[in-house]
C-alpha atoms as a PDB file:
ATOM      1  CA  MET A   1      72.352 -60.391 -53.635  1.00  0.00           C
ATOM      2  CA  GLY A   2      71.647 -56.522 -53.514  1.00  0.00           C
ATOM      3  CA  ASP A   3      68.556 -54.736 -54.492  1.00  0.00           C
ATOM      4  CA  ASP A   4      68.999 -54.514 -58.351  1.00  0.00           C
ATOM      5  CA  ARG A   5      67.241 -51.163 -58.708  1.00  0.00           C
ATOM      6  CA  LEU A   6      70.794 -49.419 -57.815  1.00  0.00           C
ATOM      7  CA  ILE A   7      73.077 -49.659 -60.726  1.00  0.00           C
ATOM      8  CA  VAL A   8      76.483 -48.454 -59.592  1.00  0.00           C
ATOM      9  CA  ALA A   9      78.571 -46.844 -62.477  1.00  0.00           C
ATOM     10  CA  LEU A  10      82.079 -48.081 -62.484  1.00  0.00           C
ATOM     11  CA  ASP A  11      83.502 -44.869 -63.901  1.00  0.00           C
ATOM     12  CA  VAL A  12      87.161 -45.813 -63.021  1.00  0.00           C
ATOM     13  CA  PRO A  13      90.060 -46.153 -65.444  1.00  0.00           C
ATOM     14  CA  ASN A  14      90.832 -49.771 -65.758  1.00  0.00           C
ATOM     15  CA  VAL A  15      89.802 -53.478 -64.986  1.00  0.00           C
ATOM     16  CA  MET A  16      91.846 -53.750 -61.858  1.00  0.00           C
ATOM     17  CA  GLN A  17      90.342 -50.549 -60.281  1.00  0.00           C
ATOM     18  CA  GLY A  18      86.885 -51.866 -61.313  1.00  0.00           C
ATOM     19  CA  LEU A  19      87.350 -55.250 -59.756  1.00  0.00           C
ATOM     20  CA  ALA A  20      88.729 -53.918 -56.720  1.00  0.00           C
ATOM     21  CA  LEU A  21      85.738 -51.417 -56.237  1.00  0.00           C
ATOM     22  CA  ALA A  22      83.317 -54.314 -56.864  1.00  0.00           C
ATOM     23  CA  GLU A  23      85.099 -56.487 -54.372  1.00  0.00           C
ATOM     24  CA  ARG A  24      84.998 -53.576 -51.633  1.00  0.00           C
ATOM     25  CA  ILE A  25      81.228 -53.292 -52.122  1.00  0.00           C
ATOM     26  CA  GLY A  26      80.519 -57.058 -52.200  1.00  0.00           C
ATOM     27  CA  ASP A  27      76.994 -58.264 -52.105  1.00  0.00           C
ATOM     28  CA  SER A  28      75.553 -55.076 -51.348  1.00  0.00           C
ATOM     29  CA  VAL A  29      75.328 -54.245 -55.016  1.00  0.00           C
ATOM     30  CA  SER A  30      74.265 -56.683 -57.714  1.00  0.00           C
ATOM     31  CA  PHE A  31      74.144 -54.411 -60.942  1.00  0.00           C
ATOM     32  CA  TYR A  32      76.959 -52.399 -62.264  1.00  0.00           C
ATOM     33  CA  LYS A  33      77.306 -49.805 -65.401  1.00  0.00           C
ATOM     34  CA  ILE A  34      80.481 -49.803 -67.455  1.00  0.00           C
ATOM     35  CA  GLY A  35      80.660 -47.008 -69.965  1.00  0.00           C
ATOM     36  CA  LEU A  36      82.594 -45.717 -72.978  1.00  0.00           C
ATOM     37  CA  GLY A  37      85.182 -44.171 -70.705  1.00  0.00           C
ATOM     38  CA  MET A  38      86.481 -47.657 -69.501  1.00  0.00           C
ATOM     39  CA  LEU A  39      86.319 -49.059 -73.063  1.00  0.00           C
ATOM     40  CA  THR A  40      90.188 -48.725 -73.725  1.00  0.00           C
ATOM     41  CA  GLY A  41      90.839 -49.847 -70.015  1.00  0.00           C
ATOM     42  CA  GLY A  42      89.362 -53.208 -70.573  1.00  0.00           C
ATOM     43  CA  GLY A  43      85.659 -52.433 -70.010  1.00  0.00           C
ATOM     44  CA  LEU A  44      84.316 -55.475 -72.031  1.00  0.00           C
ATOM     45  CA  ALA A  45      86.787 -57.952 -70.149  1.00  0.00           C
ATOM     46  CA  LEU A  46      85.578 -56.338 -66.891  1.00  0.00           C
ATOM     47  CA  ALA A  47      81.935 -56.664 -67.883  1.00  0.00           C
ATOM     48  CA  ASN A  48      82.575 -60.367 -68.688  1.00  0.00           C
ATOM     49  CA  GLU A  49      84.489 -61.145 -65.616  1.00  0.00           C
ATOM     50  CA  LEU A  50      81.873 -59.421 -63.211  1.00  0.00           C
ATOM     51  CA  LYS A  51      78.874 -61.396 -65.057  1.00  0.00           C
ATOM     52  CA  GLN A  52      80.352 -64.783 -65.512  1.00  0.00           C
ATOM     53  CA  ASP A  53      82.678 -65.011 -62.343  1.00  0.00           C
ATOM     54  CA  HIS A  54      80.769 -62.828 -59.798  1.00  0.00           C
ATOM     55  CA  GLY A  55      77.141 -63.207 -61.011  1.00  0.00           C
ATOM     56  CA  LYS A  56      76.537 -59.606 -61.361  1.00  0.00           C
ATOM     57  CA  ARG A  57      74.168 -57.968 -63.777  1.00  0.00           C
ATOM     58  CA  ILE A  58      75.866 -55.684 -66.297  1.00  0.00           C
ATOM     59  CA  PHE A  59      74.835 -52.464 -68.243  1.00  0.00           C
ATOM     60  CA  LEU A  60      77.080 -51.639 -70.956  1.00  0.00           C
ATOM     61  CA  ASP A  61      76.640 -47.924 -71.521  1.00  0.00           C
ATOM     62  CA  MET A  62      78.159 -47.498 -75.173  1.00  0.00           C
ATOM     63  CA  LYS A  63      75.406 -44.974 -76.506  1.00  0.00           C
ATOM     64  CA  LEU A  64      75.891 -46.414 -79.977  1.00  0.00           C
ATOM     65  CA  PHE A  65      74.999 -44.376 -82.989  1.00  0.00           C
ATOM     66  CA  ASP A  66      75.736 -45.066 -86.671  1.00  0.00           C
ATOM     67  CA  ILE A  67      74.161 -46.377 -89.724  1.00  0.00           C
ATOM     68  CA  SER A  68      71.831 -49.121 -89.311  1.00  0.00           C
ATOM     69  CA  ALA A  69      74.250 -52.092 -90.687  1.00  0.00           C
ATOM     70  CA  THR A  70      77.076 -50.789 -88.380  1.00  0.00           C
ATOM     71  CA  VAL A  71      74.717 -50.658 -85.208  1.00  0.00           C
ATOM     72  CA  GLU A  72      73.341 -54.057 -85.898  1.00  0.00           C
ATOM     73  CA  ALA A  73      76.744 -55.623 -86.401  1.00  0.00           C
ATOM     74  CA  ALA A  74      78.044 -53.911 -83.272  1.00  0.00           C
ATOM     75  CA  VAL A  75      75.179 -55.028 -81.247  1.00  0.00           C
ATOM     76  CA  ARG A  76      75.250 -58.683 -82.535  1.00  0.00           C
ATOM     77  CA  GLY A  77      79.030 -58.738 -81.409  1.00  0.00           C
ATOM     78  CA  ILE A  78      78.110 -57.373 -78.003  1.00  0.00           C
ATOM     79  CA  ALA A  79      74.923 -59.575 -77.542  1.00  0.00           C
ATOM     80  CA  GLN A  80      77.068 -62.795 -77.668  1.00  0.00           C
ATOM     81  CA  PHE A  81      78.190 -61.985 -74.115  1.00  0.00           C
ATOM     82  CA  ASN A  82      74.334 -61.866 -72.909  1.00  0.00           C
ATOM     83  CA  LEU A  83      75.005 -58.605 -70.944  1.00  0.00           C
ATOM     84  CA  ASP A  84      71.799 -57.147 -69.448  1.00  0.00           C
ATOM     85  CA  PHE A  85      71.309 -53.640 -70.676  1.00  0.00           C
ATOM     86  CA  LEU A  86      73.006 -52.166 -73.716  1.00  0.00           C
ATOM     87  CA  THR A  87      72.495 -48.357 -74.629  1.00  0.00           C
ATOM     88  CA  VAL A  88      71.995 -46.817 -78.121  1.00  0.00           C
ATOM     89  CA  HIS A  89      70.828 -43.376 -79.099  1.00  0.00           C
ATOM     90  CA  GLY A  90      67.184 -43.217 -79.390  1.00  0.00           C
ATOM     91  CA  ASP A  91      66.834 -42.453 -82.995  1.00  0.00           C
ATOM     92  CA  PRO A  92      64.278 -44.978 -84.446  1.00  0.00           C
ATOM     93  CA  HIS A  93      66.658 -46.416 -87.123  1.00  0.00           C
ATOM     94  CA  VAL A  94      69.365 -46.908 -84.464  1.00  0.00           C
ATOM     95  CA  VAL A  95      66.869 -48.590 -82.148  1.00  0.00           C
ATOM     96  CA  ARG A  96      65.442 -50.936 -84.910  1.00  0.00           C
ATOM     97  CA  ALA A  97      68.923 -51.984 -85.902  1.00  0.00           C
ATOM     98  CA  ALA A  98      70.046 -52.534 -82.320  1.00  0.00           C
ATOM     99  CA  LYS A  99      67.014 -54.814 -81.690  1.00  0.00           C
ATOM    100  CA  GLU A 100      67.862 -56.980 -84.832  1.00  0.00           C
ATOM    101  CA  GLY A 101      71.380 -57.273 -83.703  1.00  0.00           C
ATOM    102  CA  ALA A 102      70.306 -58.186 -80.065  1.00  0.00           C
ATOM    103  CA  SER A 103      67.742 -60.976 -81.375  1.00  0.00           C
ATOM    104  CA  GLY A 104      68.170 -64.280 -79.640  1.00  0.00           C
ATOM    105  CA  SER A 105      70.172 -62.991 -76.711  1.00  0.00           C
ATOM    106  CA  GLN A 106      69.089 -61.764 -73.205  1.00  0.00           C
ATOM    107  CA  THR A 107      70.580 -58.262 -73.898  1.00  0.00           C
ATOM    108  CA  LYS A 108      67.938 -55.602 -73.436  1.00  0.00           C
ATOM    109  CA  ILE A 109      68.223 -52.294 -75.598  1.00  0.00           C
ATOM    110  CA  LEU A 110      67.741 -48.987 -73.773  1.00  0.00           C
ATOM    111  CA  ALA A 111      67.342 -45.719 -75.751  1.00  0.00           C
ATOM    112  CA  VAL A 112      68.946 -42.465 -74.707  1.00  0.00           C
ATOM    113  CA  THR A 113      66.594 -39.757 -75.171  1.00  0.00           C
ATOM    114  CA  ILE A 114      68.559 -36.734 -74.382  1.00  0.00           C
ATOM    115  CA  LEU A 115      71.763 -36.722 -72.109  1.00  0.00           C
ATOM    116  CA  THR A 116      71.227 -35.679 -68.548  1.00  0.00           C
ATOM    117  CA  SER A 117      74.126 -33.232 -68.632  1.00  0.00           C
ATOM    118  CA  LEU A 118      72.489 -31.010 -71.297  1.00  0.00           C
ATOM    119  CA  ASP A 119      69.926 -28.461 -71.100  1.00  0.00           C
ATOM    120  CA  ARG A 120      67.949 -26.177 -73.497  1.00  0.00           C
ATOM    121  CA  ASP A 121      70.903 -23.868 -74.394  1.00  0.00           C
ATOM    122  CA  ASP A 122      72.836 -27.044 -75.342  1.00  0.00           C
ATOM    123  CA  LEU A 123      70.160 -28.256 -77.428  1.00  0.00           C
ATOM    124  CA  ASP A 124      69.877 -24.959 -79.295  1.00  0.00           C
ATOM    125  CA  ALA A 125      73.707 -25.184 -80.082  1.00  0.00           C
ATOM    126  CA  SER A 126      73.076 -28.448 -81.587  1.00  0.00           C
ATOM    127  CA  LEU A 127      70.365 -27.304 -83.901  1.00  0.00           C
ATOM    128  CA  ILE A 128      67.597 -29.344 -81.851  1.00  0.00           C
ATOM    129  CA  ARG A 129      64.258 -28.181 -82.671  1.00  0.00           C
ATOM    130  CA  ASP A 130      62.272 -25.774 -80.155  1.00  0.00           C
ATOM    131  CA  GLY A 131      60.199 -26.989 -77.291  1.00  0.00           C
ATOM    132  CA  ALA A 132      60.517 -27.682 -73.582  1.00  0.00           C
ATOM    133  CA  MET A 133      63.180 -30.423 -72.398  1.00  0.00           C
ATOM    134  CA  PRO A 134      60.525 -32.756 -70.960  1.00  0.00           C
ATOM    135  CA  ASP A 135      58.269 -32.699 -73.895  1.00  0.00           C
ATOM    136  CA  LEU A 136      61.147 -33.585 -76.260  1.00  0.00           C
ATOM    137  CA  VAL A 137      62.518 -36.303 -74.031  1.00  0.00           C
ATOM    138  CA  ALA A 138      58.753 -37.848 -73.808  1.00  0.00           C
ATOM    139  CA  GLU A 139      58.404 -37.470 -77.623  1.00  0.00           C
ATOM    140  CA  ARG A 140      61.696 -39.266 -78.147  1.00  0.00           C
ATOM    141  CA  ALA A 141      61.096 -41.911 -75.731  1.00  0.00           C
ATOM    142  CA  ALA A 142      57.653 -42.913 -77.294  1.00  0.00           C
ATOM    143  CA  ARG A 143      59.474 -42.930 -80.871  1.00  0.00           C
ATOM    144  CA  ALA A 144      62.125 -45.248 -79.385  1.00  0.00           C
ATOM    145  CA  PHE A 145      59.398 -47.559 -77.746  1.00  0.00           C
ATOM    146  CA  GLU A 146      57.536 -47.622 -81.148  1.00  0.00           C
ATOM    147  CA  ALA A 147      60.812 -48.620 -82.763  1.00  0.00           C
ATOM    148  CA  GLY A 148      61.212 -51.690 -80.156  1.00  0.00           C
ATOM    149  CA  ALA A 149      63.286 -50.435 -77.479  1.00  0.00           C
ATOM    150  CA  ASP A 150      63.034 -52.322 -74.257  1.00  0.00           C
ATOM    151  CA  GLY A 151      63.504 -49.205 -72.207  1.00  0.00           C
ATOM    152  CA  VAL A 152      64.821 -45.537 -71.960  1.00  0.00           C
ATOM    153  CA  ILE A 153      67.668 -43.646 -70.240  1.00  0.00           C
ATOM    154  CA  ALA A 154      66.108 -40.490 -69.037  1.00  0.00           C
ATOM    155  CA  SER A 155      66.359 -37.928 -66.452  1.00  0.00           C
ATOM    156  CA  PRO A 156      64.579 -38.502 -63.079  1.00  0.00           C
ATOM    157  CA  HIS A 157      62.703 -35.254 -63.995  1.00  0.00           C
ATOM    158  CA  GLU A 158      61.092 -36.804 -67.233  1.00  0.00           C
ATOM    159  CA  ALA A 159      60.641 -40.394 -65.665  1.00  0.00           C
ATOM    160  CA  LYS A 160      57.018 -39.602 -64.506  1.00  0.00           C
ATOM    161  CA  MET A 161      55.966 -38.184 -68.049  1.00  0.00           C
ATOM    162  CA  ILE A 162      57.515 -41.082 -69.702  1.00  0.00           C
ATOM    163  CA  ARG A 163      55.880 -43.583 -67.324  1.00  0.00           C
ATOM    164  CA  ALA A 164      52.592 -41.983 -68.337  1.00  0.00           C
ATOM    165  CA  LEU A 165      52.980 -42.725 -72.000  1.00  0.00           C
ATOM    166  CA  SER A 166      50.830 -45.791 -73.118  1.00  0.00           C
ATOM    167  CA  GLU A 167      53.947 -46.793 -75.210  1.00  0.00           C
ATOM    168  CA  SER A 168      55.922 -47.221 -71.884  1.00  0.00           C
ATOM    169  CA  SER A 169      53.845 -50.128 -70.570  1.00  0.00           C
ATOM    170  CA  GLY A 170      56.061 -53.068 -70.036  1.00  0.00           C
ATOM    171  CA  ARG A 171      59.238 -51.006 -70.552  1.00  0.00           C
ATOM    172  CA  LEU A 172      62.093 -50.083 -68.449  1.00  0.00           C
ATOM    173  CA  ILE A 173      63.012 -46.482 -67.462  1.00  0.00           C
ATOM    174  CA  VAL A 174      66.693 -46.141 -66.088  1.00  0.00           C
ATOM    175  CA  THR A 175      67.701 -42.800 -64.459  1.00  0.00           C
ATOM    176  CA  PRO A 176      71.290 -41.387 -64.352  1.00  0.00           C
ATOM    177  CA  GLY A 177      71.721 -38.005 -62.949  1.00  0.00           C
ATOM    178  CA  VAL A 178      70.611 -39.428 -59.316  1.00  0.00           C
ATOM    179  CA  ARG A 179      72.605 -37.862 -56.354  1.00  0.00           C
ATOM    180  CA  PRO A 180      71.847 -39.107 -52.777  1.00  0.00           C
ATOM    181  CA  ALA A 181      70.486 -36.160 -50.383  1.00  0.00           C
ATOM    182  CA  GLY A 182      73.229 -33.646 -49.877  1.00  0.00           C
ATOM    183  CA  ALA A 183      75.627 -34.831 -52.689  1.00  0.00           C
ATOM    184  CA  ASP A 184      77.551 -32.817 -55.057  1.00  0.00           C
ATOM    185  CA  VAL A 185      75.779 -32.568 -58.266  1.00  0.00           C
ATOM    186  CA  GLY A 186      78.888 -32.679 -60.520  1.00  0.00           C
ATOM    187  CA  ASP A 187      78.381 -31.910 -64.091  1.00  0.00           C
ATOM    188  CA  GLN A 188      74.684 -33.027 -64.291  1.00  0.00           C
ATOM    189  CA  LYS A 189      72.058 -30.393 -64.825  1.00  0.00           C
ATOM    190  CA  ARG A 190      69.008 -32.342 -64.078  1.00  0.00           C
ATOM    191  CA  VAL A 191      69.103 -34.400 -61.020  1.00  0.00           C
ATOM    192  CA  ALA A 192      67.071 -35.929 -58.203  1.00  0.00           C
ATOM    193  CA  THR A 193      67.550 -38.144 -55.184  1.00  0.00           C
ATOM    194  CA  PRO A 194      67.233 -41.912 -55.422  1.00  0.00           C
ATOM    195  CA  GLY A 195      63.745 -41.922 -53.640  1.00  0.00           C
ATOM    196  CA  GLN A 196      62.484 -39.299 -56.005  1.00  0.00           C
ATOM    197  CA  ALA A 197      63.621 -41.081 -59.061  1.00  0.00           C
ATOM    198  CA  ILE A 198      61.938 -44.380 -58.162  1.00  0.00           C
ATOM    199  CA  ALA A 199      58.821 -42.514 -56.796  1.00  0.00           C
ATOM    200  CA  GLU A 200      58.501 -40.804 -60.413  1.00  0.00           C
ATOM    201  CA  GLY A 201      58.550 -44.082 -62.261  1.00  0.00           C
ATOM    202  CA  ALA A 202      62.060 -45.316 -62.529  1.00  0.00           C
ATOM    203  CA  ASP A 203      62.920 -49.100 -62.555  1.00  0.00           C
ATOM    204  CA  HIS A 204      66.590 -48.544 -61.757  1.00  0.00           C
ATOM    205  CA  ILE A 205      68.800 -45.605 -60.727  1.00  0.00           C
ATOM    206  CA  VAL A 206      72.427 -45.100 -61.788  1.00  0.00           C
ATOM    207  CA  VAL A 207      74.888 -43.742 -59.117  1.00  0.00           C
ATOM    208  CA  GLY A 208      78.490 -43.220 -59.725  1.00  0.00           C
ATOM    209  CA  ARG A 209      80.771 -40.864 -57.969  1.00  0.00           C
ATOM    210  CA  PRO A 210      78.989 -40.582 -54.688  1.00  0.00           C
ATOM    211  CA  ILE A 211      79.549 -44.188 -54.398  1.00  0.00           C
ATOM    212  CA  TRP A 212      83.066 -44.949 -56.008  1.00  0.00           C
ATOM    213  CA  GLN A 213      84.520 -41.791 -54.643  1.00  0.00           C
ATOM    214  CA  ALA A 214      83.527 -42.421 -51.235  1.00  0.00           C
ATOM    215  CA  ASP A 215      85.944 -43.661 -48.373  1.00  0.00           C
ATOM    216  CA  ASP A 216      83.715 -46.402 -47.853  1.00  0.00           C
ATOM    217  CA  PRO A 217      81.891 -47.444 -51.161  1.00  0.00           C
ATOM    218  CA  LYS A 218      80.037 -50.170 -49.538  1.00  0.00           C
ATOM    219  CA  ALA A 219      78.522 -48.014 -46.919  1.00  0.00           C
ATOM    220  CA  ALA A 220      77.776 -45.314 -49.489  1.00  0.00           C
ATOM    221  CA  ALA A 221      76.088 -47.959 -51.829  1.00  0.00           C
ATOM    222  CA  GLU A 222      73.945 -49.173 -48.605  1.00  0.00           C
ATOM    223  CA  ALA A 223      73.047 -45.490 -47.841  1.00  0.00           C
ATOM    224  CA  VAL A 224      71.611 -45.112 -51.288  1.00  0.00           C
ATOM    225  CA  LEU A 225      69.778 -48.312 -51.010  1.00  0.00           C
ATOM    226  CA  ALA A 226      68.275 -46.980 -47.921  1.00  0.00           C
ATOM    227  CA  GLU A 227      66.979 -44.047 -49.613  1.00  0.00           C
ATOM    228  CA  LEU A 228      65.098 -46.272 -52.080  1.00  0.00           C
ATOM    229  CA  GLY A 229      62.876 -47.588 -49.461  1.00  0.00           C
END
């Protein structure tokens, strides 16, 4: 089974395309991310099929945010499937509720610090307080860990700072915004290569378009794995 440090984002429209892509990639990849964009295309069904029938690990990227009771109920419903990772926003009340909902399951709760597509101008537009992006990410990560998060989602550029936090001991850092050397950065604003992300402290990297848009997704995945060393 493939190196599970690589998580391939199945950002395709529906279950059939997701299954077809996973079958083309085969044993080279053992971990897949299914996000909100696929929810109406059967994302939960795909997650369960890949997990139960194909033995894959699954990262369900829902970025849940709501009042505590609603988050807890939603996570309890998802946790019955024992998927591996589930994202919620990193606000402490959300993390605490999600951990309560996931209790008794194998599902790890990963907190989103600040989306990797955002920069300081975006934070200003959202009335987020002043401060350098890495400092805000590290502070949000620390608060999420204190609230019980099993890990965080963060840009490769903040992974090293988060890994240095005492609160991060034994916790996971998962980095989107990873692009193989020479790849188009797309809509991401804070990016790094796979090797850089792992060197900076990431446990897992998430790669989407450079793999699923490739003419040969299996070869593209294997090239990313080679960059991990």
